[in-house]
Amino acid sequence: IFLKKNNSDEAISCFHKSCELRGWYFPKDKNYQFTQDNFSYRIPTWESHLQSLVDRVGLKILEIGNNQGMSTCWMLDKLLTDDSAKLVCVDTEFAEEFHSNIVRTGAGGKVRKLEGDIHEHLTNLESNFYDLINIQDKRKFPKHIKQNAELAWLLLKVDGLLIFNDYQRHNPNYSKCKPQIGIDEFLISVKDKFKIRYQDAASHQLIIQKIKD
């Protein structure tokens, strides 16, 4: 509302307060720069279901689609805190804000950026390697989302977690952008090889755990 009224200072203040109420104080302390909030509502869910990853030695995370880096910064601040932790970020093109926010985390040395064809990059990454994969690619076509999931599955360790951030999301202005179709087709293909750890239609969140290779 404040942004629509061109009151950016008040908008930033409210954003910082909302993050602080969810236990994330770094956006204000580190002066992260975001023009939209497409993540903070997920924090309570992530805090609860990713607790086992906090401070884990050798933690490996892959993020597909990074926007301005809000979820990326949160993971660097809250999960990837051990010196041995690593994060791979894959996107067709990184936003200017993404680069500057990664610098502000103070943990940029843990981040590997892969820009360009997402599926090509995923094909070249190490299999059975990642403890957590977060899929939030801005392209929502079912076929594309399904291929993201199929490639991510090969990269995920057994017991690893896979997060879909667009499950049950539907934009009436773009009838062909129905991520759930692609995600459901993928889930059918790995039937009996995963467990649902969390699902919420309101936040479009689906978290599954790989239990078989």
C-alpha atoms as a PDB file:
ATOM      1  CA  ILE A   1       0.000   0.000   0.000  1.00  0.00           C
ATOM      2  CA  PHE A   2       2.786   2.429   0.919  1.00  0.00           C
ATOM      3  CA  LEU A   3       4.664   1.686  -2.311  1.00  0.00           C
ATOM      4  CA  LYS A   4       1.545   2.483  -4.313  1.00  0.00           C
ATOM      5  CA  LYS A   5       1.450   5.811  -2.472  1.00  0.00           C
ATOM      6  CA  ASN A   6       5.145   6.373  -3.337  1.00  0.00           C
ATOM      7  CA  ASN A   7       6.067   6.218   0.336  1.00  0.00           C
ATOM      8  CA  SER A   8       9.069   3.911   0.083  1.00  0.00           C
ATOM      9  CA  ASP A   9      10.493   4.768   3.527  1.00  0.00           C
ATOM     10  CA  GLU A  10       7.308   3.650   5.270  1.00  0.00           C
ATOM     11  CA  ALA A  11       7.110   0.545   3.058  1.00  0.00           C
ATOM     12  CA  ILE A  12      10.657  -0.435   3.988  1.00  0.00           C
ATOM     13  CA  SER A  13       9.955   0.139   7.673  1.00  0.00           C
ATOM     14  CA  CYS A  14       6.879  -2.103   7.552  1.00  0.00           C
ATOM     15  CA  PHE A  15       8.789  -4.786   5.671  1.00  0.00           C
ATOM     16  CA  HIS A  16      11.593  -4.762   8.250  1.00  0.00           C
ATOM     17  CA  LYS A  17       9.048  -5.009  11.058  1.00  0.00           C
ATOM     18  CA  SER A  18       7.275  -7.959   9.435  1.00  0.00           C
ATOM     19  CA  CYS A  19      10.612  -9.800   9.069  1.00  0.00           C
ATOM     20  CA  GLU A  20      11.567  -9.048  12.667  1.00  0.00           C
ATOM     21  CA  LEU A  21       8.247 -10.426  13.895  1.00  0.00           C
ATOM     22  CA  ARG A  22       9.142 -13.622  12.040  1.00  0.00           C
ATOM     23  CA  GLY A  23      12.596 -13.781  13.635  1.00  0.00           C
ATOM     24  CA  TRP A  24      14.649 -12.479  10.703  1.00  0.00           C
ATOM     25  CA  TYR A  25      16.475  -9.308  11.762  1.00  0.00           C
ATOM     26  CA  PHE A  26      19.088  -9.228   8.995  1.00  0.00           C
ATOM     27  CA  PRO A  27      17.164  -7.290   6.276  1.00  0.00           C
ATOM     28  CA  LYS A  28      17.438  -4.129   8.370  1.00  0.00           C
ATOM     29  CA  ASP A  29      20.835  -4.873   9.915  1.00  0.00           C
ATOM     30  CA  LYS A  30      22.455  -5.670   6.556  1.00  0.00           C
ATOM     31  CA  ASN A  31      20.425  -3.175   4.513  1.00  0.00           C
ATOM     32  CA  TYR A  32      19.114  -5.667   1.972  1.00  0.00           C
ATOM     33  CA  GLN A  33      17.400  -4.000  -0.980  1.00  0.00           C
ATOM     34  CA  PHE A  34      14.129  -5.477  -2.283  1.00  0.00           C
ATOM     35  CA  THR A  35      11.386  -3.892  -4.357  1.00  0.00           C
ATOM     36  CA  GLN A  36       8.873  -6.673  -3.677  1.00  0.00           C
ATOM     37  CA  ASP A  37       8.218  -9.222  -0.965  1.00  0.00           C
ATOM     38  CA  ASN A  38       7.564 -12.679  -2.371  1.00  0.00           C
ATOM     39  CA  PHE A  39       9.106 -14.620   0.488  1.00  0.00           C
ATOM     40  CA  SER A  40       8.620 -13.375   4.054  1.00  0.00           C
ATOM     41  CA  TYR A  41       5.227 -15.084   4.397  1.00  0.00           C
ATOM     42  CA  ARG A  42       7.054 -18.423   3.978  1.00  0.00           C
ATOM     43  CA  ILE A  43       9.429 -17.867   6.901  1.00  0.00           C
ATOM     44  CA  PRO A  44       7.342 -19.588   9.621  1.00  0.00           C
ATOM     45  CA  THR A  45       6.987 -22.685   7.422  1.00  0.00           C
ATOM     46  CA  TRP A  46      10.681 -22.768   6.569  1.00  0.00           C
ATOM     47  CA  GLU A  47      11.706 -22.149  10.180  1.00  0.00           C
ATOM     48  CA  SER A  48       9.647 -25.148  11.239  1.00  0.00           C
ATOM     49  CA  HIS A  49      10.404 -27.639   8.484  1.00  0.00           C
ATOM     50  CA  LEU A  50      14.049 -26.801   7.752  1.00  0.00           C
ATOM     51  CA  GLN A  51      15.197 -26.735  11.366  1.00  0.00           C
ATOM     52  CA  SER A  52      17.277 -29.900  10.919  1.00  0.00           C
ATOM     53  CA  LEU A  53      19.476 -28.055   8.381  1.00  0.00           C
ATOM     54  CA  VAL A  54      20.480 -25.180  10.661  1.00  0.00           C
ATOM     55  CA  ASP A  55      24.278 -25.006  11.135  1.00  0.00           C
ATOM     56  CA  ARG A  56      24.740 -28.383   9.418  1.00  0.00           C
ATOM     57  CA  VAL A  57      28.350 -29.094   8.474  1.00  0.00           C
ATOM     58  CA  GLY A  58      28.767 -29.550   4.714  1.00  0.00           C
ATOM     59  CA  LEU A  59      25.226 -28.404   3.952  1.00  0.00           C
ATOM     60  CA  LYS A  60      24.567 -28.166   0.206  1.00  0.00           C
ATOM     61  CA  ILE A  61      21.582 -26.206  -1.149  1.00  0.00           C
ATOM     62  CA  LEU A  62      20.428 -25.568  -4.714  1.00  0.00           C
ATOM     63  CA  GLU A  63      18.017 -22.757  -5.588  1.00  0.00           C
ATOM     64  CA  ILE A  64      16.349 -22.667  -9.008  1.00  0.00           C
ATOM     65  CA  GLY A  65      15.108 -19.147  -9.685  1.00  0.00           C
ATOM     66  CA  ASN A  66      16.323 -16.432  -7.347  1.00  0.00           C
ATOM     67  CA  ASN A  67      14.390 -13.223  -8.054  1.00  0.00           C
ATOM     68  CA  GLN A  68      16.032 -10.474  -5.985  1.00  0.00           C
ATOM     69  CA  GLY A  69      17.519 -12.958  -3.539  1.00  0.00           C
ATOM     70  CA  MET A  70      15.212 -12.679  -0.535  1.00  0.00           C
ATOM     71  CA  SER A  71      14.956 -16.418   0.095  1.00  0.00           C
ATOM     72  CA  THR A  72      18.643 -16.741  -0.846  1.00  0.00           C
ATOM     73  CA  CYS A  73      19.641 -14.221   1.814  1.00  0.00           C
ATOM     74  CA  TRP A  74      17.438 -15.920   4.402  1.00  0.00           C
ATOM     75  CA  MET A  75      19.111 -19.281   3.753  1.00  0.00           C
ATOM     76  CA  LEU A  76      22.574 -17.730   4.014  1.00  0.00           C
ATOM     77  CA  ASP A  77      21.601 -15.984   7.246  1.00  0.00           C
ATOM     78  CA  LYS A  78      19.734 -18.853   8.890  1.00  0.00           C
ATOM     79  CA  LEU A  79      20.824 -22.193   7.388  1.00  0.00           C
ATOM     80  CA  LEU A  80      24.172 -21.964   5.589  1.00  0.00           C
ATOM     81  CA  THR A  81      26.061 -20.684   8.617  1.00  0.00           C
ATOM     82  CA  ASP A  82      28.855 -23.267   8.797  1.00  0.00           C
ATOM     83  CA  ASP A  83      32.041 -22.395   6.908  1.00  0.00           C
ATOM     84  CA  SER A  84      31.723 -25.598   4.847  1.00  0.00           C
ATOM     85  CA  ALA A  85      28.171 -24.846   3.619  1.00  0.00           C
ATOM     86  CA  LYS A  86      27.595 -24.155  -0.075  1.00  0.00           C
ATOM     87  CA  LEU A  87      24.761 -22.699  -2.157  1.00  0.00           C
ATOM     88  CA  VAL A  88      24.299 -22.980  -5.928  1.00  0.00           C
ATOM     89  CA  CYS A  89      21.960 -20.447  -7.550  1.00  0.00           C
ATOM     90  CA  VAL A  90      20.630 -21.057 -11.058  1.00  0.00           C
ATOM     91  CA  ASP A  91      18.625 -18.541 -13.085  1.00  0.00           C
ATOM     92  CA  THR A  92      18.186 -17.358 -16.648  1.00  0.00           C
ATOM     93  CA  GLU A  93      19.336 -13.910 -15.577  1.00  0.00           C
ATOM     94  CA  PHE A  94      20.186 -12.536 -12.144  1.00  0.00           C
ATOM     95  CA  ALA A  95      18.626  -9.261 -11.073  1.00  0.00           C
ATOM     96  CA  GLU A  96      20.916  -6.395 -10.119  1.00  0.00           C
ATOM     97  CA  GLU A  97      19.451  -6.505  -6.607  1.00  0.00           C
ATOM     98  CA  PHE A  98      20.370 -10.171  -6.321  1.00  0.00           C
ATOM     99  CA  HIS A  99      24.075  -9.492  -6.813  1.00  0.00           C
ATOM    100  CA  SER A 100      24.154  -6.585  -4.349  1.00  0.00           C
ATOM    101  CA  ASN A 101      22.145  -8.453  -1.704  1.00  0.00           C
ATOM    102  CA  ILE A 102      24.476 -11.448  -1.863  1.00  0.00           C
ATOM    103  CA  VAL A 103      27.390  -9.097  -1.188  1.00  0.00           C
ATOM    104  CA  ARG A 104      25.520  -7.639   1.804  1.00  0.00           C
ATOM    105  CA  THR A 105      25.102 -11.101   3.366  1.00  0.00           C
ATOM    106  CA  GLY A 106      28.841 -11.256   3.938  1.00  0.00           C
ATOM    107  CA  ALA A 107      28.709 -14.885   2.809  1.00  0.00           C
ATOM    108  CA  GLY A 108      29.122 -14.442  -0.927  1.00  0.00           C
ATOM    109  CA  GLY A 109      32.050 -16.862  -0.937  1.00  0.00           C
ATOM    110  CA  LYS A 110      29.608 -19.708  -0.271  1.00  0.00           C
ATOM    111  CA  VAL A 111      27.550 -18.903  -3.383  1.00  0.00           C
ATOM    112  CA  ARG A 112      28.060 -20.239  -6.900  1.00  0.00           C
ATOM    113  CA  LYS A 113      25.993 -18.462  -9.578  1.00  0.00           C
ATOM    114  CA  LEU A 114      24.993 -20.193 -12.809  1.00  0.00           C
ATOM    115  CA  GLU A 115      23.268 -17.902 -15.307  1.00  0.00           C
ATOM    116  CA  GLY A 116      21.657 -18.935 -18.592  1.00  0.00           C
ATOM    117  CA  ASP A 117      19.779 -22.068 -19.645  1.00  0.00           C
ATOM    118  CA  ILE A 118      18.494 -23.515 -16.384  1.00  0.00           C
ATOM    119  CA  HIS A 119      17.986 -27.062 -17.634  1.00  0.00           C
ATOM    120  CA  GLU A 120      21.421 -27.162 -19.211  1.00  0.00           C
ATOM    121  CA  HIS A 121      23.034 -26.075 -15.947  1.00  0.00           C
ATOM    122  CA  LEU A 122      21.045 -28.596 -13.923  1.00  0.00           C
ATOM    123  CA  THR A 123      22.125 -31.396 -16.248  1.00  0.00           C
ATOM    124  CA  ASN A 124      25.767 -30.591 -15.497  1.00  0.00           C
ATOM    125  CA  LEU A 125      25.499 -30.574 -11.693  1.00  0.00           C
ATOM    126  CA  GLU A 126      26.478 -33.493  -9.456  1.00  0.00           C
ATOM    127  CA  SER A 127      23.802 -36.150  -8.802  1.00  0.00           C
ATOM    128  CA  ASN A 128      22.655 -37.114  -5.292  1.00  0.00           C
ATOM    129  CA  PHE A 129      24.473 -34.108  -3.883  1.00  0.00           C
ATOM    130  CA  TYR A 130      22.056 -31.570  -2.387  1.00  0.00           C
ATOM    131  CA  ASP A 131      20.341 -31.602   1.011  1.00  0.00           C
ATOM    132  CA  LEU A 132      17.747 -29.024  -0.040  1.00  0.00           C
ATOM    133  CA  ILE A 133      16.504 -27.814  -3.416  1.00  0.00           C
ATOM    134  CA  ASN A 134      14.196 -24.815  -3.666  1.00  0.00           C
ATOM    135  CA  ILE A 135      12.297 -24.424  -6.959  1.00  0.00           C
ATOM    136  CA  GLN A 136      10.872 -20.963  -7.639  1.00  0.00           C
ATOM    137  CA  ASP A 137      11.541 -20.502 -11.352  1.00  0.00           C
ATOM    138  CA  LYS A 138       9.578 -17.548 -12.729  1.00  0.00           C
ATOM    139  CA  ARG A 139       8.484 -19.628 -15.726  1.00  0.00           C
ATOM    140  CA  LYS A 140       5.304 -21.432 -14.680  1.00  0.00           C
ATOM    141  CA  PHE A 141       4.409 -23.548 -17.706  1.00  0.00           C
ATOM    142  CA  PRO A 142       3.649 -27.158 -16.649  1.00  0.00           C
ATOM    143  CA  LYS A 143       6.146 -28.750 -19.045  1.00  0.00           C
ATOM    144  CA  HIS A 144       8.949 -26.467 -17.861  1.00  0.00           C
ATOM    145  CA  ILE A 145       8.143 -26.948 -14.179  1.00  0.00           C
ATOM    146  CA  LYS A 146       8.002 -30.717 -14.621  1.00  0.00           C
ATOM    147  CA  GLN A 147      11.441 -30.739 -16.226  1.00  0.00           C
ATOM    148  CA  ASN A 148      12.790 -28.600 -13.380  1.00  0.00           C
ATOM    149  CA  ALA A 149      11.481 -31.163 -10.904  1.00  0.00           C
ATOM    150  CA  GLU A 150      12.796 -34.170 -12.817  1.00  0.00           C
ATOM    151  CA  LEU A 151      16.298 -32.737 -13.032  1.00  0.00           C
ATOM    152  CA  ALA A 152      16.229 -31.547  -9.416  1.00  0.00           C
ATOM    153  CA  TRP A 153      15.187 -35.016  -8.254  1.00  0.00           C
ATOM    154  CA  LEU A 154      18.358 -36.516  -9.717  1.00  0.00           C
ATOM    155  CA  LEU A 155      20.450 -33.949  -7.840  1.00  0.00           C
ATOM    156  CA  LEU A 156      18.727 -34.439  -4.483  1.00  0.00           C
ATOM    157  CA  LYS A 157      20.135 -36.761  -1.833  1.00  0.00           C
ATOM    158  CA  VAL A 158      17.993 -39.477  -0.311  1.00  0.00           C
ATOM    159  CA  ASP A 159      16.363 -37.852   2.767  1.00  0.00           C
ATOM    160  CA  GLY A 160      16.831 -34.467   1.087  1.00  0.00           C
ATOM    161  CA  LEU A 161      14.004 -31.918   0.846  1.00  0.00           C
ATOM    162  CA  LEU A 162      12.480 -30.460  -2.310  1.00  0.00           C
ATOM    163  CA  ILE A 163      10.404 -27.267  -2.089  1.00  0.00           C
ATOM    164  CA  PHE A 164       7.835 -26.182  -4.671  1.00  0.00           C
ATOM    165  CA  ASN A 165       6.683 -22.589  -4.209  1.00  0.00           C
ATOM    166  CA  ASP A 166       3.956 -22.473  -6.850  1.00  0.00           C
ATOM    167  CA  TYR A 167       1.828 -25.495  -6.031  1.00  0.00           C
ATOM    168  CA  GLN A 168      -1.864 -24.720  -6.506  1.00  0.00           C
ATOM    169  CA  ARG A 169      -0.981 -21.244  -7.774  1.00  0.00           C
ATOM    170  CA  HIS A 170      -3.133 -20.063 -10.680  1.00  0.00           C
ATOM    171  CA  ASN A 171      -3.112 -16.743 -12.481  1.00  0.00           C
ATOM    172  CA  PRO A 172      -6.475 -16.268 -14.243  1.00  0.00           C
ATOM    173  CA  ASN A 173      -4.811 -13.871 -16.695  1.00  0.00           C
ATOM    174  CA  TYR A 174      -2.447 -16.609 -17.894  1.00  0.00           C
ATOM    175  CA  SER A 175      -4.474 -19.783 -18.301  1.00  0.00           C
ATOM    176  CA  LYS A 176      -1.500 -21.820 -19.555  1.00  0.00           C
ATOM    177  CA  CYS A 177       0.584 -21.078 -16.459  1.00  0.00           C
ATOM    178  CA  LYS A 178      -0.584 -23.839 -14.140  1.00  0.00           C
ATOM    179  CA  PRO A 179       2.490 -25.176 -12.297  1.00  0.00           C
ATOM    180  CA  GLN A 180       0.448 -27.736 -10.389  1.00  0.00           C
ATOM    181  CA  ILE A 181      -0.156 -29.748 -13.562  1.00  0.00           C
ATOM    182  CA  GLY A 182       3.557 -30.218 -14.125  1.00  0.00           C
ATOM    183  CA  ILE A 183       4.265 -30.844 -10.441  1.00  0.00           C
ATOM    184  CA  ASP A 184       1.525 -33.475 -10.189  1.00  0.00           C
ATOM    185  CA  GLU A 185       2.833 -35.261 -13.278  1.00  0.00           C
ATOM    186  CA  PHE A 186       6.275 -35.339 -11.702  1.00  0.00           C
ATOM    187  CA  LEU A 187       4.933 -36.620  -8.378  1.00  0.00           C
ATOM    188  CA  ILE A 188       3.149 -39.466 -10.159  1.00  0.00           C
ATOM    189  CA  SER A 189       6.447 -40.440 -11.799  1.00  0.00           C
ATOM    190  CA  VAL A 190       8.175 -40.802  -8.398  1.00  0.00           C
ATOM    191  CA  LYS A 191       5.255 -42.381  -6.583  1.00  0.00           C
ATOM    192  CA  ASP A 192       6.282 -44.212  -3.385  1.00  0.00           C
ATOM    193  CA  LYS A 193       9.707 -42.531  -3.471  1.00  0.00           C
ATOM    194  CA  PHE A 194       8.789 -39.438  -1.460  1.00  0.00           C
ATOM    195  CA  LYS A 195       6.871 -38.245   1.571  1.00  0.00           C
ATOM    196  CA  ILE A 196       4.923 -34.995   1.799  1.00  0.00           C
ATOM    197  CA  ARG A 197       6.345 -32.993   4.696  1.00  0.00           C
ATOM    198  CA  TYR A 198       4.187 -29.908   4.259  1.00  0.00           C
ATOM    199  CA  GLN A 199       1.424 -28.661   1.993  1.00  0.00           C
ATOM    200  CA  ASP A 200      -0.546 -25.434   2.141  1.00  0.00           C
ATOM    201  CA  ALA A 201      -2.790 -24.099  -0.601  1.00  0.00           C
ATOM    202  CA  ALA A 202      -2.863 -20.549   0.756  1.00  0.00           C
ATOM    203  CA  SER A 203       0.920 -20.086   0.512  1.00  0.00           C
ATOM    204  CA  HIS A 204       1.307 -22.420  -2.506  1.00  0.00           C
ATOM    205  CA  GLN A 205       3.958 -24.353  -0.594  1.00  0.00           C
ATOM    206  CA  LEU A 206       4.678 -28.047  -1.076  1.00  0.00           C
ATOM    207  CA  ILE A 207       7.672 -29.647   0.648  1.00  0.00           C
ATOM    208  CA  ILE A 208       8.516 -33.276  -0.068  1.00  0.00           C
ATOM    209  CA  GLN A 209      11.279 -35.551   1.194  1.00  0.00           C
ATOM    210  CA  LYS A 210      13.029 -38.055  -1.036  1.00  0.00           C
ATOM    211  CA  ILE A 211      12.968 -41.463   0.639  1.00  0.00           C
ATOM    212  CA  LYS A 212      14.119 -43.662  -2.276  1.00  0.00           C
ATOM    213  CA  ASP A 213      16.474 -43.080  -5.193  1.00  0.00           C
END
